[in-house]
Structures are given as C-alpha cells and as structure tokens.
Amino acid sequence: CARMAESNLKRLVEDSPDDETKLQGYDWVLEAWSKSQEDEAATHADRILNEMKLIKKTNKSLASTLPNSQSYTNAILAWTKSNSTAKAHKLLYEYIDNFKHVNSSADEGPQLFAFNSVISAWAR
C-alpha cells in the first residue's frame, strides 16, 4: 500500500497545480509508510520528509507549510516502529527547532503524539 502510494505521489505532484493537494499527497504517503510493516518503511518516510524539506527551500509558496506537524509526526512514528529510537529522537528535536522558526498560525506545532512515540520507544 505504501509503495503504491509513493509511486503515485510523483504523478500527483507533477499534475496538480494546487499546493494544498501536493502537501496532502506527501502527508498521505508519510502516513502510509508510518503504518507499514516493511523493514525499510522508516527509510522511505525519511526520504519523503527530506524531499519535502528540499521543496520548502526551493518553493517559496510552500515555505511555511512544508513539512508540517503531520509530516514530522508520521516520520517520527515510522522511525520508532523501526526501533531506530535515536533517529526518531533527533527528528523530534529538528521538528521542535523548525517550529520555532515558522509562523505558528500556519501550523499547530509539535504534537503530543510525536513526544509520546519517542518516549515509548526509549522505554522499550
């Protein structure tokens, strides 16, 4: 399911003129990887998140929305499920730091679920 979603993402990004649709497409793919049982799911989620960060640097119209709280939370969840707690922890702090530098009205900020996922992973 996640592989199919990712393969369709490129077409969605190329064909959709609407930035909100593109953002939603990326978030859906991240969510699919966060729920995947595949061994490399976290690596795929990380690649998608990094692609979003690159778009943020090059596309000013998306600069305040990419990646958003949902994006980071799904990537963090993927890393915690893969037992890569240190990577999830590092990503959580990147998420917090990035939120400090964006317009808080554009995003709700770090979600409790992201913190709980990392704390639970450290407790395992």
PDB file of N, CA and C in Angstrom:
ATOM      1  N   CYS A   1       0.821  -1.197   0.000  1.00  0.00           N
ATOM      2  CA  CYS A   1       0.000   0.000   0.000  1.00  0.00           C
ATOM      3  C   CYS A   1       0.867   1.264   0.000  1.00  0.00           C
ATOM      4  N   ALA A   2       1.888   1.307   0.883  1.00  0.00           N
ATOM      5  CA  ALA A   2       2.757   2.481   0.955  1.00  0.00           C
ATOM      6  C   ALA A   2       3.568   2.641  -0.328  1.00  0.00           C
ATOM      7  N   ARG A   3       4.036   1.521  -0.878  1.00  0.00           N
ATOM      8  CA  ARG A   3       4.794   1.588  -2.137  1.00  0.00           C
ATOM      9  C   ARG A   3       3.923   2.138  -3.269  1.00  0.00           C
ATOM     10  N   MET A   4       2.682   1.695  -3.315  1.00  0.00           N
ATOM     11  CA  MET A   4       1.768   2.166  -4.353  1.00  0.00           C
ATOM     12  C   MET A   4       1.485   3.659  -4.166  1.00  0.00           C
ATOM     13  N   ALA A   5       1.280   4.072  -2.926  1.00  0.00           N
ATOM     14  CA  ALA A   5       1.034   5.489  -2.645  1.00  0.00           C
ATOM     15  C   ALA A   5       2.226   6.335  -3.072  1.00  0.00           C
ATOM     16  N   GLU A   6       3.432   5.857  -2.763  1.00  0.00           N
ATOM     17  CA  GLU A   6       4.630   6.612  -3.131  1.00  0.00           C
ATOM     18  C   GLU A   6       4.800   6.680  -4.649  1.00  0.00           C
ATOM     19  N   SER A   7       4.495   5.594  -5.338  1.00  0.00           N
ATOM     20  CA  SER A   7       4.637   5.607  -6.797  1.00  0.00           C
ATOM     21  C   SER A   7       3.645   6.574  -7.448  1.00  0.00           C
ATOM     22  N   ASN A   8       2.494   6.775  -6.828  1.00  0.00           N
ATOM     23  CA  ASN A   8       1.507   7.714  -7.363  1.00  0.00           C
ATOM     24  C   ASN A   8       1.789   9.161  -6.968  1.00  0.00           C
ATOM     25  N   LEU A   9       2.622   9.359  -5.964  1.00  0.00           N
ATOM     26  CA  LEU A   9       2.904  10.711  -5.477  1.00  0.00           C
ATOM     27  C   LEU A   9       3.551  11.578  -6.553  1.00  0.00           C
ATOM     28  N   LYS A  10       4.523  11.041  -7.271  1.00  0.00           N
ATOM     29  CA  LYS A  10       5.221  11.829  -8.289  1.00  0.00           C
ATOM     30  C   LYS A  10       4.233  12.369  -9.320  1.00  0.00           C
ATOM     31  N   ARG A  11       3.322  11.527  -9.746  1.00  0.00           N
ATOM     32  CA  ARG A  11       2.326  11.965 -10.726  1.00  0.00           C
ATOM     33  C   ARG A  11       1.422  13.043 -10.142  1.00  0.00           C
ATOM     34  N   LEU A  12       1.022  12.871  -8.892  1.00  0.00           N
ATOM     35  CA  LEU A  12       0.181  13.870  -8.230  1.00  0.00           C
ATOM     36  C   LEU A  12       0.897  15.216  -8.168  1.00  0.00           C
ATOM     37  N   VAL A  13       2.158  15.191  -7.789  1.00  0.00           N
ATOM     38  CA  VAL A  13       2.931  16.428  -7.660  1.00  0.00           C
ATOM     39  C   VAL A  13       3.085  17.109  -9.016  1.00  0.00           C
ATOM     40  N   GLU A  14       3.335  16.323 -10.055  1.00  0.00           N
ATOM     41  CA  GLU A  14       3.509  16.896 -11.393  1.00  0.00           C
ATOM     42  C   GLU A  14       2.200  17.424 -11.971  1.00  0.00           C
ATOM     43  N   ASP A  15       1.098  16.722 -11.709  1.00  0.00           N
ATOM     44  CA  ASP A  15      -0.177  17.057 -12.346  1.00  0.00           C
ATOM     45  C   ASP A  15      -1.030  18.066 -11.592  1.00  0.00           C
ATOM     46  N   SER A  16      -0.813  18.226 -10.306  1.00  0.00           N
ATOM     47  CA  SER A  16      -1.678  19.099  -9.519  1.00  0.00           C
ATOM     48  C   SER A  16      -1.101  20.509  -9.413  1.00  0.00           C
ATOM     49  N   PRO A  17      -1.872  21.511  -9.825  1.00  0.00           N
ATOM     50  CA  PRO A  17      -1.405  22.885  -9.670  1.00  0.00           C
ATOM     51  C   PRO A  17      -1.619  23.414  -8.244  1.00  0.00           C
ATOM     52  N   ASP A  18      -2.389  22.691  -7.457  1.00  0.00           N
ATOM     53  CA  ASP A  18      -2.784  23.128  -6.120  1.00  0.00           C
ATOM     54  C   ASP A  18      -1.762  22.690  -5.068  1.00  0.00           C
ATOM     55  N   ASP A  19      -1.155  23.653  -4.386  1.00  0.00           N
ATOM     56  CA  ASP A  19      -0.141  23.348  -3.374  1.00  0.00           C
ATOM     57  C   ASP A  19      -0.701  22.545  -2.210  1.00  0.00           C
ATOM     58  N   GLU A  20      -1.928  22.828  -1.811  1.00  0.00           N
ATOM     59  CA  GLU A  20      -2.537  22.099  -0.691  1.00  0.00           C
ATOM     60  C   GLU A  20      -2.703  20.615  -1.029  1.00  0.00           C
ATOM     61  N   THR A  21      -3.060  20.330  -2.271  1.00  0.00           N
ATOM     62  CA  THR A  21      -3.197  18.940  -2.712  1.00  0.00           C
ATOM     63  C   THR A  21      -1.848  18.238  -2.681  1.00  0.00           C
ATOM     64  N   LYS A  22      -0.802  18.933  -3.096  1.00  0.00           N
ATOM     65  CA  LYS A  22       0.546  18.358  -3.060  1.00  0.00           C
ATOM     66  C   LYS A  22       0.951  18.031  -1.627  1.00  0.00           C
ATOM     67  N   LEU A  23       0.736  18.977  -0.724  1.00  0.00           N
ATOM     68  CA  LEU A  23       1.072  18.762   0.682  1.00  0.00           C
ATOM     69  C   LEU A  23       0.308  17.566   1.228  1.00  0.00           C
ATOM     70  N   GLN A  24      -0.963  17.495   0.928  1.00  0.00           N
ATOM     71  CA  GLN A  24      -1.785  16.385   1.406  1.00  0.00           C
ATOM     72  C   GLN A  24      -1.284  15.058   0.837  1.00  0.00           C
ATOM     73  N   GLY A  25      -0.857  15.068  -0.413  1.00  0.00           N
ATOM     74  CA  GLY A  25      -0.309  13.860  -1.026  1.00  0.00           C
ATOM     75  C   GLY A  25       0.938  13.374  -0.311  1.00  0.00           C
ATOM     76  N   TYR A  26       1.846  14.296  -0.006  1.00  0.00           N
ATOM     77  CA  TYR A  26       3.056  13.924   0.740  1.00  0.00           C
ATOM     78  C   TYR A  26       2.691  13.367   2.114  1.00  0.00           C
ATOM     79  N   ASP A  27       1.762  14.018   2.783  1.00  0.00           N
ATOM     80  CA  ASP A  27       1.371  13.551   4.120  1.00  0.00           C
ATOM     81  C   ASP A  27       0.706  12.179   4.076  1.00  0.00           C
ATOM     82  N   TRP A  28      -0.071  11.918   3.043  1.00  0.00           N
ATOM     83  CA  TRP A  28      -0.694  10.594   2.916  1.00  0.00           C
ATOM     84  C   TRP A  28       0.360   9.509   2.732  1.00  0.00           C
ATOM     85  N   VAL A  29       1.367   9.805   1.925  1.00  0.00           N
ATOM     86  CA  VAL A  29       2.435   8.823   1.704  1.00  0.00           C
ATOM     87  C   VAL A  29       3.221   8.612   2.997  1.00  0.00           C
ATOM     88  N   LEU A  30       3.518   9.689   3.712  1.00  0.00           N
ATOM     89  CA  LEU A  30       4.208   9.544   5.005  1.00  0.00           C
ATOM     90  C   LEU A  30       3.371   8.719   5.978  1.00  0.00           C
ATOM     91  N   GLU A  31       2.085   8.957   6.002  1.00  0.00           N
ATOM     92  CA  GLU A  31       1.216   8.178   6.886  1.00  0.00           C
ATOM     93  C   GLU A  31       1.219   6.701   6.492  1.00  0.00           C
ATOM     94  N   ALA A  32       1.191   6.443   5.194  1.00  0.00           N
ATOM     95  CA  ALA A  32       1.221   5.050   4.729  1.00  0.00           C
ATOM     96  C   ALA A  32       2.508   4.363   5.171  1.00  0.00           C
ATOM     97  N   TRP A  33       3.649   5.057   5.046  1.00  0.00           N
ATOM     98  CA  TRP A  33       4.918   4.455   5.489  1.00  0.00           C
ATOM     99  C   TRP A  33       4.959   4.312   7.003  1.00  0.00           C
ATOM    100  N   SER A  34       4.342   5.227   7.733  1.00  0.00           N
ATOM    101  CA  SER A  34       4.355   5.121   9.199  1.00  0.00           C
ATOM    102  C   SER A  34       3.540   3.924   9.680  1.00  0.00           C
ATOM    103  N   LYS A  35       2.595   3.486   8.862  1.00  0.00           N
ATOM    104  CA  LYS A  35       1.760   2.336   9.221  1.00  0.00           C
ATOM    105  C   LYS A  35       2.265   1.027   8.609  1.00  0.00           C
ATOM    106  N   SER A  36       3.259   1.132   7.756  1.00  0.00           N
ATOM    107  CA  SER A  36       3.769  -0.044   7.055  1.00  0.00           C
ATOM    108  C   SER A  36       4.573  -0.946   7.988  1.00  0.00           C
ATOM    109  N   GLN A  37       4.524  -2.224   7.701  1.00  0.00           N
ATOM    110  CA  GLN A  37       5.304  -3.209   8.458  1.00  0.00           C
ATOM    111  C   GLN A  37       6.614  -3.556   7.745  1.00  0.00           C
ATOM    112  N   GLU A  38       6.882  -2.929   6.606  1.00  0.00           N
ATOM    113  CA  GLU A  38       8.095  -3.225   5.848  1.00  0.00           C
ATOM    114  C   GLU A  38       9.332  -2.754   6.610  1.00  0.00           C
ATOM    115  N   ASP A  39      10.406  -3.511   6.484  1.00  0.00           N
ATOM    116  CA  ASP A  39      11.645  -3.191   7.194  1.00  0.00           C
ATOM    117  C   ASP A  39      12.198  -1.818   6.837  1.00  0.00           C
ATOM    118  N   GLU A  40      12.058  -1.432   5.588  1.00  0.00           N
ATOM    119  CA  GLU A  40      12.631  -0.158   5.144  1.00  0.00           C
ATOM    120  C   GLU A  40      11.625   0.994   5.167  1.00  0.00           C
ATOM    121  N   ALA A  41      10.519   0.842   5.856  1.00  0.00           N
ATOM    122  CA  ALA A  41       9.479   1.874   5.890  1.00  0.00           C
ATOM    123  C   ALA A  41      10.010   3.210   6.410  1.00  0.00           C
ATOM    124  N   ALA A  42      10.803   3.174   7.462  1.00  0.00           N
ATOM    125  CA  ALA A  42      11.331   4.418   8.030  1.00  0.00           C
ATOM    126  C   ALA A  42      12.262   5.122   7.049  1.00  0.00           C
ATOM    127  N   THR A  43      13.045   4.356   6.314  1.00  0.00           N
ATOM    128  CA  THR A  43      13.943   4.940   5.318  1.00  0.00           C
ATOM    129  C   THR A  43      13.141   5.633   4.224  1.00  0.00           C
ATOM    130  N   HIS A  44      12.065   5.009   3.793  1.00  0.00           N
ATOM    131  CA  HIS A  44      11.187   5.632   2.790  1.00  0.00           C
ATOM    132  C   HIS A  44      10.554   6.907   3.350  1.00  0.00           C
ATOM    133  N   ALA A  45      10.069   6.845   4.572  1.00  0.00           N
ATOM    134  CA  ALA A  45       9.457   8.026   5.195  1.00  0.00           C
ATOM    135  C   ALA A  45      10.471   9.158   5.307  1.00  0.00           C
ATOM    136  N   ASP A  46      11.689   8.818   5.675  1.00  0.00           N
ATOM    137  CA  ASP A  46      12.746   9.823   5.798  1.00  0.00           C
ATOM    138  C   ASP A  46      13.040  10.469   4.446  1.00  0.00           C
ATOM    139  N   ARG A  47      13.068   9.662   3.395  1.00  0.00           N
ATOM    140  CA  ARG A  47      13.326  10.198   2.060  1.00  0.00           C
ATOM    141  C   ARG A  47      12.210  11.159   1.640  1.00  0.00           C
ATOM    142  N   ILE A  48      10.964  10.795   1.929  1.00  0.00           N
ATOM    143  CA  ILE A  48       9.833  11.669   1.598  1.00  0.00           C
ATOM    144  C   ILE A  48       9.925  12.976   2.391  1.00  0.00           C
ATOM    145  N   LEU A  49      10.241  12.881   3.675  1.00  0.00           N
ATOM    146  CA  LEU A  49      10.378  14.082   4.503  1.00  0.00           C
ATOM    147  C   LEU A  49      11.503  14.972   3.965  1.00  0.00           C
ATOM    148  N   ASN A  50      12.623  14.372   3.575  1.00  0.00           N
ATOM    149  CA  ASN A  50      13.733  15.149   3.014  1.00  0.00           C
ATOM    150  C   ASN A  50      13.353  15.802   1.693  1.00  0.00           C
ATOM    151  N   GLU A  51      12.544  15.123   0.899  1.00  0.00           N
ATOM    152  CA  GLU A  51      12.053  15.710  -0.348  1.00  0.00           C
ATOM    153  C   GLU A  51      11.185  16.929  -0.036  1.00  0.00           C
ATOM    154  N   MET A  52      10.368  16.824   0.994  1.00  0.00           N
ATOM    155  CA  MET A  52       9.530  17.954   1.400  1.00  0.00           C
ATOM    156  C   MET A  52      10.393  19.134   1.852  1.00  0.00           C
ATOM    157  N   LYS A  53      11.459  18.847   2.576  1.00  0.00           N
ATOM    158  CA  LYS A  53      12.363  19.909   3.034  1.00  0.00           C
ATOM    159  C   LYS A  53      13.032  20.601   1.852  1.00  0.00           C
ATOM    160  N   LEU A  54      13.410  19.830   0.841  1.00  0.00           N
ATOM    161  CA  LEU A  54      14.025  20.400  -0.354  1.00  0.00           C
ATOM    162  C   LEU A  54      13.035  21.294  -1.096  1.00  0.00           C
ATOM    163  N   ILE A  55      11.803  20.845  -1.212  1.00  0.00           N
ATOM    164  CA  ILE A  55      10.766  21.662  -1.855  1.00  0.00           C
ATOM    165  C   ILE A  55      10.579  22.960  -1.081  1.00  0.00           C
ATOM    166  N   LYS A  56      10.610  22.868   0.241  1.00  0.00           N
ATOM    167  CA  LYS A  56      10.455  24.065   1.080  1.00  0.00           C
ATOM    168  C   LYS A  56      11.536  25.092   0.762  1.00  0.00           C
ATOM    169  N   LYS A  57      12.759  24.623   0.522  1.00  0.00           N
ATOM    170  CA  LYS A  57      13.869  25.536   0.226  1.00  0.00           C
ATOM    171  C   LYS A  57      13.736  26.180  -1.149  1.00  0.00           C
ATOM    172  N   THR A  58      13.122  25.477  -2.093  1.00  0.00           N
ATOM    173  CA  THR A  58      13.079  25.965  -3.468  1.00  0.00           C
ATOM    174  C   THR A  58      11.742  26.569  -3.884  1.00  0.00           C
ATOM    175  N   ASN A  59      10.680  26.349  -3.116  1.00  0.00           N
ATOM    176  CA  ASN A  59       9.353  26.829  -3.482  1.00  0.00           C
ATOM    177  C   ASN A  59       8.821  27.729  -2.370  1.00  0.00           C
ATOM    178  N   LYS A  60       8.920  29.013  -2.574  1.00  0.00           N
ATOM    179  CA  LYS A  60       8.533  29.970  -1.534  1.00  0.00           C
ATOM    180  C   LYS A  60       7.050  29.896  -1.177  1.00  0.00           C
ATOM    181  N   SER A  61       6.203  29.495  -2.111  1.00  0.00           N
ATOM    182  CA  SER A  61       4.771  29.429  -1.794  1.00  0.00           C
ATOM    183  C   SER A  61       4.464  28.315  -0.798  1.00  0.00           C
ATOM    184  N   LEU A  62       5.347  27.329  -0.698  1.00  0.00           N
ATOM    185  CA  LEU A  62       5.146  26.232   0.245  1.00  0.00           C
ATOM    186  C   LEU A  62       6.035  26.350   1.477  1.00  0.00           C
ATOM    187  N   ALA A  63       6.823  27.402   1.556  1.00  0.00           N
ATOM    188  CA  ALA A  63       7.830  27.518   2.614  1.00  0.00           C
ATOM    189  C   ALA A  63       7.255  27.447   4.021  1.00  0.00           C
ATOM    190  N   SER A  64       6.052  27.958   4.230  1.00  0.00           N
ATOM    191  CA  SER A  64       5.505  27.960   5.590  1.00  0.00           C
ATOM    192  C   SER A  64       4.702  26.707   5.919  1.00  0.00           C
ATOM    193  N   THR A  65       4.487  25.837   4.944  1.00  0.00           N
ATOM    194  CA  THR A  65       3.645  24.670   5.199  1.00  0.00           C
ATOM    195  C   THR A  65       4.345  23.325   5.049  1.00  0.00           C
ATOM    196  N   LEU A  66       5.510  23.295   4.448  1.00  0.00           N
ATOM    197  CA  LEU A  66       6.207  22.034   4.196  1.00  0.00           C
ATOM    198  C   LEU A  66       7.478  21.920   5.005  1.00  0.00           C
ATOM    199  N   PRO A  67       7.769  20.838   5.613  1.00  0.00           N
ATOM    200  CA  PRO A  67       6.819  19.852   6.105  1.00  0.00           C
ATOM    201  C   PRO A  67       6.058  20.409   7.302  1.00  0.00           C
ATOM    202  N   ASN A  68       4.913  19.832   7.589  1.00  0.00           N
ATOM    203  CA  ASN A  68       4.086  20.325   8.687  1.00  0.00           C
ATOM    204  C   ASN A  68       4.126  19.357   9.875  1.00  0.00           C
ATOM    205  N   SER A  69       3.318  19.616  10.864  1.00  0.00           N
ATOM    206  CA  SER A  69       3.297  18.768  12.066  1.00  0.00           C
ATOM    207  C   SER A  69       2.949  17.326  11.745  1.00  0.00           C
ATOM    208  N   GLN A  70       1.975  17.140  10.872  1.00  0.00           N
ATOM    209  CA  GLN A  70       1.583  15.784  10.492  1.00  0.00           C
ATOM    210  C   GLN A  70       2.742  15.065   9.801  1.00  0.00           C
ATOM    211  N   SER A  71       3.471  15.783   8.966  1.00  0.00           N
ATOM    212  CA  SER A  71       4.611  15.198   8.253  1.00  0.00           C
ATOM    213  C   SER A  71       5.651  14.685   9.235  1.00  0.00           C
ATOM    214  N   TYR A  72       6.052  15.546  10.153  1.00  0.00           N
ATOM    215  CA  TYR A  72       7.061  15.151  11.140  1.00  0.00           C
ATOM    216  C   TYR A  72       6.561  14.021  12.035  1.00  0.00           C
ATOM    217  N   THR A  73       5.323  14.112  12.476  1.00  0.00           N
ATOM    218  CA  THR A  73       4.785  13.082  13.370  1.00  0.00           C
ATOM    219  C   THR A  73       4.789  11.716  12.694  1.00  0.00           C
ATOM    220  N   ASN A  74       4.390  11.657  11.433  1.00  0.00           N
ATOM    221  CA  ASN A  74       4.391  10.379  10.720  1.00  0.00           C
ATOM    222  C   ASN A  74       5.801   9.842  10.505  1.00  0.00           C
ATOM    223  N   ALA A  75       6.747  10.709  10.192  1.00  0.00           N
ATOM    224  CA  ALA A  75       8.134  10.258  10.016  1.00  0.00           C
ATOM    225  C   ALA A  75       8.707   9.758  11.345  1.00  0.00           C
ATOM    226  N   ILE A  76       8.413  10.455  12.423  1.00  0.00           N
ATOM    227  CA  ILE A  76       8.870  10.032  13.754  1.00  0.00           C
ATOM    228  C   ILE A  76       8.277   8.675  14.100  1.00  0.00           C
ATOM    229  N   LEU A  77       7.002   8.499  13.835  1.00  0.00           N
ATOM    230  CA  LEU A  77       6.356   7.217  14.115  1.00  0.00           C
ATOM    231  C   LEU A  77       7.005   6.082  13.319  1.00  0.00           C
ATOM    232  N   ALA A  78       7.324   6.346  12.063  1.00  0.00           N
ATOM    233  CA  ALA A  78       7.982   5.324  11.241  1.00  0.00           C
ATOM    234  C   ALA A  78       9.319   4.917  11.852  1.00  0.00           C
ATOM    235  N   TRP A  79      10.088   5.902  12.340  1.00  0.00           N
ATOM    236  CA  TRP A  79      11.388   5.579  12.953  1.00  0.00           C
ATOM    237  C   TRP A  79      11.221   4.843  14.274  1.00  0.00           C
ATOM    238  N   THR A  80      10.231   5.210  15.070  1.00  0.00           N
ATOM    239  CA  THR A  80      10.052   4.493  16.343  1.00  0.00           C
ATOM    240  C   THR A  80       9.617   3.056  16.100  1.00  0.00           C
ATOM    241  N   LYS A  81       8.801   2.829  15.079  1.00  0.00           N
ATOM    242  CA  LYS A  81       8.378   1.461  14.758  1.00  0.00           C
ATOM    243  C   LYS A  81       9.533   0.611  14.246  1.00  0.00           C
ATOM    244  N   SER A  82      10.540   1.263  13.672  1.00  0.00           N
ATOM    245  CA  SER A  82      11.679   0.514  13.136  1.00  0.00           C
ATOM    246  C   SER A  82      12.762   0.299  14.196  1.00  0.00           C
ATOM    247  N   ASN A  83      12.443   0.663  15.433  1.00  0.00           N
ATOM    248  CA  ASN A  83      13.394   0.545  16.549  1.00  0.00           C
ATOM    249  C   ASN A  83      14.634   1.413  16.370  1.00  0.00           C
ATOM    250  N   SER A  84      14.476   2.508  15.658  1.00  0.00           N
ATOM    251  CA  SER A  84      15.553   3.485  15.497  1.00  0.00           C
ATOM    252  C   SER A  84      15.223   4.699  16.363  1.00  0.00           C
ATOM    253  N   THR A  85      15.231   4.467  17.650  1.00  0.00           N
ATOM    254  CA  THR A  85      14.809   5.493  18.599  1.00  0.00           C
ATOM    255  C   THR A  85      15.674   6.741  18.522  1.00  0.00           C
ATOM    256  N   ALA A  86      16.974   6.573  18.351  1.00  0.00           N
ATOM    257  CA  ALA A  86      17.868   7.733  18.278  1.00  0.00           C
ATOM    258  C   ALA A  86      17.513   8.617  17.083  1.00  0.00           C
ATOM    259  N   LYS A  87      17.200   8.003  15.949  1.00  0.00           N
ATOM    260  CA  LYS A  87      16.815   8.771  14.765  1.00  0.00           C
ATOM    261  C   LYS A  87      15.481   9.487  15.012  1.00  0.00           C
ATOM    262  N   ALA A  88      14.538   8.805  15.638  1.00  0.00           N
ATOM    263  CA  ALA A  88      13.249   9.421  15.959  1.00  0.00           C
ATOM    264  C   ALA A  88      13.441  10.599  16.915  1.00  0.00           C
ATOM    265  N   HIS A  89      14.305  10.424  17.896  1.00  0.00           N
ATOM    266  CA  HIS A  89      14.600  11.470  18.871  1.00  0.00           C
ATOM    267  C   HIS A  89      15.218  12.689  18.186  1.00  0.00           C
ATOM    268  N   LYS A  90      16.178  12.441  17.309  1.00  0.00           N
ATOM    269  CA  LYS A  90      16.823  13.529  16.570  1.00  0.00           C
ATOM    270  C   LYS A  90      15.802  14.275  15.710  1.00  0.00           C
ATOM    271  N   LEU A  91      14.922  13.532  15.065  1.00  0.00           N
ATOM    272  CA  LEU A  91      13.900  14.136  14.219  1.00  0.00           C
ATOM    273  C   LEU A  91      12.902  14.953  15.042  1.00  0.00           C
ATOM    274  N   LEU A  92      12.582  14.489  16.241  1.00  0.00           N
ATOM    275  CA  LEU A  92      11.693  15.237  17.129  1.00  0.00           C
ATOM    276  C   LEU A  92      12.301  16.598  17.466  1.00  0.00           C
ATOM    277  N   TYR A  93      13.594  16.624  17.760  1.00  0.00           N
ATOM    278  CA  TYR A  93      14.233  17.899  18.081  1.00  0.00           C
ATOM    279  C   TYR A  93      14.355  18.804  16.863  1.00  0.00           C
ATOM    280  N   GLU A  94      14.539  18.225  15.693  1.00  0.00           N
ATOM    281  CA  GLU A  94      14.533  19.017  14.459  1.00  0.00           C
ATOM    282  C   GLU A  94      13.150  19.645  14.268  1.00  0.00           C
ATOM    283  N   TYR A  95      12.131  18.865  14.510  1.00  0.00           N
ATOM    284  CA  TYR A  95      10.733  19.293  14.408  1.00  0.00           C
ATOM    285  C   TYR A  95      10.477  20.471  15.349  1.00  0.00           C
ATOM    286  N   ILE A  96      10.910  20.355  16.586  1.00  0.00           N
ATOM    287  CA  ILE A  96      10.733  21.431  17.566  1.00  0.00           C
ATOM    288  C   ILE A  96      11.467  22.685  17.111  1.00  0.00           C
ATOM    289  N   ASP A  97      12.710  22.513  16.680  1.00  0.00           N
ATOM    290  CA  ASP A  97      13.524  23.643  16.239  1.00  0.00           C
ATOM    291  C   ASP A  97      12.908  24.324  15.017  1.00  0.00           C
ATOM    292  N   ASN A  98      12.436  23.539  14.063  1.00  0.00           N
ATOM    293  CA  ASN A  98      11.817  24.112  12.869  1.00  0.00           C
ATOM    294  C   ASN A  98      10.545  24.874  13.207  1.00  0.00           C
ATOM    295  N   PHE A  99       9.779  24.367  14.155  1.00  0.00           N
ATOM    296  CA  PHE A  99       8.544  25.045  14.521  1.00  0.00           C
ATOM    297  C   PHE A  99       8.824  26.429  15.107  1.00  0.00           C
ATOM    298  N   LYS A 100       9.929  26.569  15.802  1.00  0.00           N
ATOM    299  CA  LYS A 100      10.281  27.864  16.388  1.00  0.00           C
ATOM    300  C   LYS A 100      10.515  28.922  15.316  1.00  0.00           C
ATOM    301  N   HIS A 101      10.856  28.472  14.089  1.00  0.00           N
ATOM    302  CA  HIS A 101      11.217  29.401  13.024  1.00  0.00           C
ATOM    303  C   HIS A 101      10.125  29.607  11.975  1.00  0.00           C
ATOM    304  N   VAL A 102       8.937  29.056  12.208  1.00  0.00           N
ATOM    305  CA  VAL A 102       7.839  29.256  11.255  1.00  0.00           C
ATOM    306  C   VAL A 102       6.717  30.027  11.926  1.00  0.00           C
ATOM    307  N   ASN A 103       5.834  30.506  11.112  1.00  0.00           N
ATOM    308  CA  ASN A 103       4.662  31.218  11.608  1.00  0.00           C
ATOM    309  C   ASN A 103       3.762  30.218  12.330  1.00  0.00           C
ATOM    310  N   SER A 104       3.586  30.394  13.606  1.00  0.00           N
ATOM    311  CA  SER A 104       2.808  29.435  14.392  1.00  0.00           C
ATOM    312  C   SER A 104       1.350  29.353  13.957  1.00  0.00           C
ATOM    313  N   SER A 105       0.834  30.356  13.261  1.00  0.00           N
ATOM    314  CA  SER A 105      -0.548  30.275  12.792  1.00  0.00           C
ATOM    315  C   SER A 105      -0.682  29.327  11.603  1.00  0.00           C
ATOM    316  N   ALA A 106       0.431  29.045  10.919  1.00  0.00           N
ATOM    317  CA  ALA A 106       0.386  28.152   9.761  1.00  0.00           C
ATOM    318  C   ALA A 106       0.392  26.689  10.167  1.00  0.00           C
ATOM    319  N   ASP A 107       0.812  26.399  11.395  1.00  0.00           N
ATOM    320  CA  ASP A 107       0.932  25.019  11.847  1.00  0.00           C
ATOM    321  C   ASP A 107       0.695  24.993  13.347  1.00  0.00           C
ATOM    322  N   GLU A 108       0.125  23.907  13.815  1.00  0.00           N
ATOM    323  CA  GLU A 108      -0.211  23.823  15.233  1.00  0.00           C
ATOM    324  C   GLU A 108       0.976  23.478  16.123  1.00  0.00           C
ATOM    325  N   GLY A 109       2.090  23.163  15.530  1.00  0.00           N
ATOM    326  CA  GLY A 109       3.281  22.873  16.319  1.00  0.00           C
ATOM    327  C   GLY A 109       3.408  21.416  16.695  1.00  0.00           C
ATOM    328  N   PRO A 110       4.452  21.113  17.416  1.00  0.00           N
ATOM    329  CA  PRO A 110       4.718  19.718  17.794  1.00  0.00           C
ATOM    330  C   PRO A 110       3.529  19.071  18.503  1.00  0.00           C
ATOM    331  N   GLN A 111       3.178  17.894  18.037  1.00  0.00           N
ATOM    332  CA  GLN A 111       2.031  17.174  18.578  1.00  0.00           C
ATOM    333  C   GLN A 111       2.462  16.251  19.710  1.00  0.00           C
ATOM    334  N   LEU A 112       1.599  16.134  20.695  1.00  0.00           N
ATOM    335  CA  LEU A 112       1.861  15.276  21.844  1.00  0.00           C
ATOM    336  C   LEU A 112       2.167  13.848  21.411  1.00  0.00           C
ATOM    337  N   PHE A 113       1.496  13.383  20.359  1.00  0.00           N
ATOM    338  CA  PHE A 113       1.708  12.021  19.871  1.00  0.00           C
ATOM    339  C   PHE A 113       3.163  11.789  19.468  1.00  0.00           C
ATOM    340  N   ALA A 114       3.801  12.804  18.884  1.00  0.00           N
ATOM    341  CA  ALA A 114       5.212  12.668  18.491  1.00  0.00           C
ATOM    342  C   ALA A 114       6.089  12.479  19.724  1.00  0.00           C
ATOM    343  N   PHE A 115       5.836  13.264  20.752  1.00  0.00           N
ATOM    344  CA  PHE A 115       6.599  13.122  22.001  1.00  0.00           C
ATOM    345  C   PHE A 115       6.367  11.749  22.624  1.00  0.00           C
ATOM    346  N   ASN A 116       5.097  11.340  22.694  1.00  0.00           N
ATOM    347  CA  ASN A 116       4.766  10.042  23.290  1.00  0.00           C
ATOM    348  C   ASN A 116       5.398   8.887  22.535  1.00  0.00           C
ATOM    349  N   SER A 117       5.449   8.984  21.215  1.00  0.00           N
ATOM    350  CA  SER A 117       6.057   7.919  20.411  1.00  0.00           C
ATOM    351  C   SER A 117       7.530   7.748  20.746  1.00  0.00           C
ATOM    352  N   VAL A 118       8.234   8.865  20.864  1.00  0.00           N
ATOM    353  CA  VAL A 118       9.668   8.802  21.174  1.00  0.00           C
ATOM    354  C   VAL A 118       9.885   8.314  22.605  1.00  0.00           C
ATOM    355  N   ILE A 119       9.104   8.817  23.542  1.00  0.00           N
ATOM    356  CA  ILE A 119       9.239   8.381  24.941  1.00  0.00           C
ATOM    357  C   ILE A 119       8.960   6.885  25.059  1.00  0.00           C
ATOM    358  N   SER A 120       7.914   6.416  24.397  1.00  0.00           N
ATOM    359  CA  SER A 120       7.593   4.981  24.431  1.00  0.00           C
ATOM    360  C   SER A 120       8.702   4.145  23.802  1.00  0.00           C
ATOM    361  N   ALA A 121       9.279   4.655  22.730  1.00  0.00           N
ATOM    362  CA  ALA A 121      10.370   3.920  22.077  1.00  0.00           C
ATOM    363  C   ALA A 121      11.586   3.821  22.995  1.00  0.00           C
ATOM    364  N   TRP A 122      11.902   4.893  23.721  1.00  0.00           N
ATOM    365  CA  TRP A 122      13.032   4.852  24.659  1.00  0.00           C
ATOM    366  C   TRP A 122      12.745   3.885  25.802  1.00  0.00           C
ATOM    367  N   ALA A 123      11.477   3.729  26.156  1.00  0.00           N
ATOM    368  CA  ALA A 123      11.112   2.855  27.274  1.00  0.00           C
ATOM    369  C   ALA A 123      11.197   1.364  26.918  1.00  0.00           C
ATOM    370  N   ARG A 124      11.234   1.045  25.628  1.00  0.00           N
ATOM    371  CA  ARG A 124      11.300  -0.370  25.216  1.00  0.00           C
ATOM    372  C   ARG A 124      12.634  -0.983  25.499  1.00  0.00           C
TER     373      ARG A 124
END
